[in-house]
Structures are given as structure tokens and as C-alpha cells.
Amino acid sequence: MLQPKVVSVKPLENYMLLVEYVTGEKRVFDVKPYISGEWFGELEDIQVFGTVHPCGTTVEWTDGQDIAPHELYDLSVPV
């Protein structure tokens, strides 16, 4: 299934993201399980975490970290 386009993303407390899709749907995604290792571990810095922005059907951070579109959608919780 093709994922809908992300129109906005807002970083929340505790490494959560509020993601809004072009469909009007809003979902919350937990980034904590991804924050490990050298590259994704950079997201532990709240300043870096706050650089998240929409990128097509997913979200991306300034240094290029991203979440697979199907994971972002399927593993998030509707609001």
C-alpha cells in the first residue's frame, strides 16, 4: 500500500512525533526504539531531534536520518 504524503510533523516530549498526513489524519509515532548506534543515536540530542521535517511520505532529520514510510504509518497511533 502506498503511504499518504506527510504535510507536517511536530516533535513532542519523550521522543514522540505528531505526524499529519495529506488525508487529514494525525498519528503519533514513538522514535525511542530507533535511537541507538552512532547515526540514529544523534537523535538523542533534543536539538537534533527538533530538526525533523516532512519528506514526501515520511519524515527526515537534518543529518539525513529517516523512518521507512510504512513503519512511520503502520507503527504510529491515530490521534
C-alpha atoms as a PDB file:
ATOM      1  CA  MET A   1       0.000   0.000   0.000  1.00  0.00           C
ATOM      2  CA  LEU A   2       1.290   3.440  -0.900  1.00  0.00           C
ATOM      3  CA  GLN A   3       1.573   5.681   2.151  1.00  0.00           C
ATOM      4  CA  PRO A   4      -0.024   9.154   2.133  1.00  0.00           C
ATOM      5  CA  LYS A   5       2.187  12.250   1.971  1.00  0.00           C
ATOM      6  CA  VAL A   6       3.280  13.837   5.260  1.00  0.00           C
ATOM      7  CA  VAL A   7       2.263  17.511   5.395  1.00  0.00           C
ATOM      8  CA  SER A   8       3.563  18.354   8.871  1.00  0.00           C
ATOM      9  CA  VAL A   9       5.487  16.861  11.754  1.00  0.00           C
ATOM     10  CA  LYS A  10       5.918  18.183  15.267  1.00  0.00           C
ATOM     11  CA  PRO A  11       8.432  16.819  17.788  1.00  0.00           C
ATOM     12  CA  LEU A  12       6.813  16.032  21.133  1.00  0.00           C
ATOM     13  CA  GLU A  13       8.211  15.166  24.561  1.00  0.00           C
ATOM     14  CA  ASN A  14       9.787  11.775  25.158  1.00  0.00           C
ATOM     15  CA  TYR A  15      10.947  11.392  21.518  1.00  0.00           C
ATOM     16  CA  MET A  16       7.476  11.193  20.053  1.00  0.00           C
ATOM     17  CA  LEU A  17       6.346  12.768  16.777  1.00  0.00           C
ATOM     18  CA  LEU A  18       2.946  14.132  15.841  1.00  0.00           C
ATOM     19  CA  VAL A  19       2.620  13.416  12.123  1.00  0.00           C
ATOM     20  CA  GLU A  20      -0.132  14.887   9.958  1.00  0.00           C
ATOM     21  CA  TYR A  21      -0.889  13.357   6.570  1.00  0.00           C
ATOM     22  CA  VAL A  22      -2.425  14.927   3.462  1.00  0.00           C
ATOM     23  CA  THR A  23      -5.560  12.885   4.245  1.00  0.00           C
ATOM     24  CA  GLY A  24      -6.055  14.966   7.413  1.00  0.00           C
ATOM     25  CA  GLU A  25      -5.124  12.008   9.572  1.00  0.00           C
ATOM     26  CA  LYS A  26      -2.927  12.716  12.612  1.00  0.00           C
ATOM     27  CA  ARG A  27      -0.797   9.995  14.164  1.00  0.00           C
ATOM     28  CA  VAL A  28       1.792   9.772  16.969  1.00  0.00           C
ATOM     29  CA  PHE A  29       4.999   7.843  16.332  1.00  0.00           C
ATOM     30  CA  ASP A  30       7.492   6.734  19.006  1.00  0.00           C
ATOM     31  CA  VAL A  31      11.082   7.283  17.836  1.00  0.00           C
ATOM     32  CA  LYS A  32      12.718   5.897  21.036  1.00  0.00           C
ATOM     33  CA  PRO A  33      13.250   2.340  19.684  1.00  0.00           C
ATOM     34  CA  TYR A  34      15.268   3.803  16.786  1.00  0.00           C
ATOM     35  CA  ILE A  35      17.600   5.950  18.890  1.00  0.00           C
ATOM     36  CA  SER A  36      20.722   3.812  19.083  1.00  0.00           C
ATOM     37  CA  GLY A  37      24.029   3.439  17.317  1.00  0.00           C
ATOM     38  CA  GLU A  38      26.248   6.178  16.028  1.00  0.00           C
ATOM     39  CA  TRP A  39      23.949   7.662  13.381  1.00  0.00           C
ATOM     40  CA  PHE A  40      20.439   7.323  14.852  1.00  0.00           C
ATOM     41  CA  GLY A  41      21.923   7.918  18.312  1.00  0.00           C
ATOM     42  CA  GLU A  42      22.401  11.565  17.289  1.00  0.00           C
ATOM     43  CA  LEU A  43      18.625  11.951  17.673  1.00  0.00           C
ATOM     44  CA  GLU A  44      19.014  11.628  21.446  1.00  0.00           C
ATOM     45  CA  ASP A  45      20.215  15.242  21.382  1.00  0.00           C
ATOM     46  CA  ILE A  46      16.948  17.155  21.697  1.00  0.00           C
ATOM     47  CA  GLN A  47      18.297  19.936  19.442  1.00  0.00           C
ATOM     48  CA  VAL A  48      18.946  17.412  16.656  1.00  0.00           C
ATOM     49  CA  PHE A  49      15.616  15.663  17.301  1.00  0.00           C
ATOM     50  CA  GLY A  50      13.880  19.007  16.832  1.00  0.00           C
ATOM     51  CA  THR A  51      15.178  19.344  13.248  1.00  0.00           C
ATOM     52  CA  VAL A  52      12.630  16.798  11.996  1.00  0.00           C
ATOM     53  CA  HIS A  53      10.705  17.830   8.875  1.00  0.00           C
ATOM     54  CA  PRO A  54       8.344  16.265   6.310  1.00  0.00           C
ATOM     55  CA  CYS A  55       9.976  14.479   3.382  1.00  0.00           C
ATOM     56  CA  GLY A  56       7.425  13.044   0.969  1.00  0.00           C
ATOM     57  CA  THR A  57       5.724  10.048   2.598  1.00  0.00           C
ATOM     58  CA  THR A  58       7.999  10.109   5.647  1.00  0.00           C
ATOM     59  CA  VAL A  59       9.968  12.407   7.956  1.00  0.00           C
ATOM     60  CA  GLU A  60      13.660  13.221   7.943  1.00  0.00           C
ATOM     61  CA  TRP A  61      16.184  14.924  10.197  1.00  0.00           C
ATOM     62  CA  THR A  62      18.859  17.436   9.157  1.00  0.00           C
ATOM     63  CA  ASP A  63      21.634  14.821   9.107  1.00  0.00           C
ATOM     64  CA  GLY A  64      19.572  12.513   6.862  1.00  0.00           C
ATOM     65  CA  GLN A  65      18.104  10.052   9.355  1.00  0.00           C
ATOM     66  CA  ASP A  66      14.638   8.952   8.333  1.00  0.00           C
ATOM     67  CA  ILE A  67      11.961   6.390   9.113  1.00  0.00           C
ATOM     68  CA  ALA A  68      10.667   3.970   6.464  1.00  0.00           C
ATOM     69  CA  PRO A  69       7.269   5.311   5.314  1.00  0.00           C
ATOM     70  CA  HIS A  70       5.427   2.061   6.081  1.00  0.00           C
ATOM     71  CA  GLU A  71       6.902   1.941   9.609  1.00  0.00           C
ATOM     72  CA  LEU A  72       6.061   5.589  10.267  1.00  0.00           C
ATOM     73  CA  TYR A  73       2.447   4.945   9.327  1.00  0.00           C
ATOM     74  CA  ASP A  74       1.871   1.359  10.459  1.00  0.00           C
ATOM     75  CA  LEU A  75       3.623   1.682  13.838  1.00  0.00           C
ATOM     76  CA  SER A  76       2.062   5.011  14.757  1.00  0.00           C
ATOM     77  CA  VAL A  77      -1.109   5.520  16.769  1.00  0.00           C
ATOM     78  CA  PRO A  78      -4.074   7.549  15.476  1.00  0.00           C
ATOM     79  CA  VAL A  79      -4.872  10.689  17.491  1.00  0.00           C
END
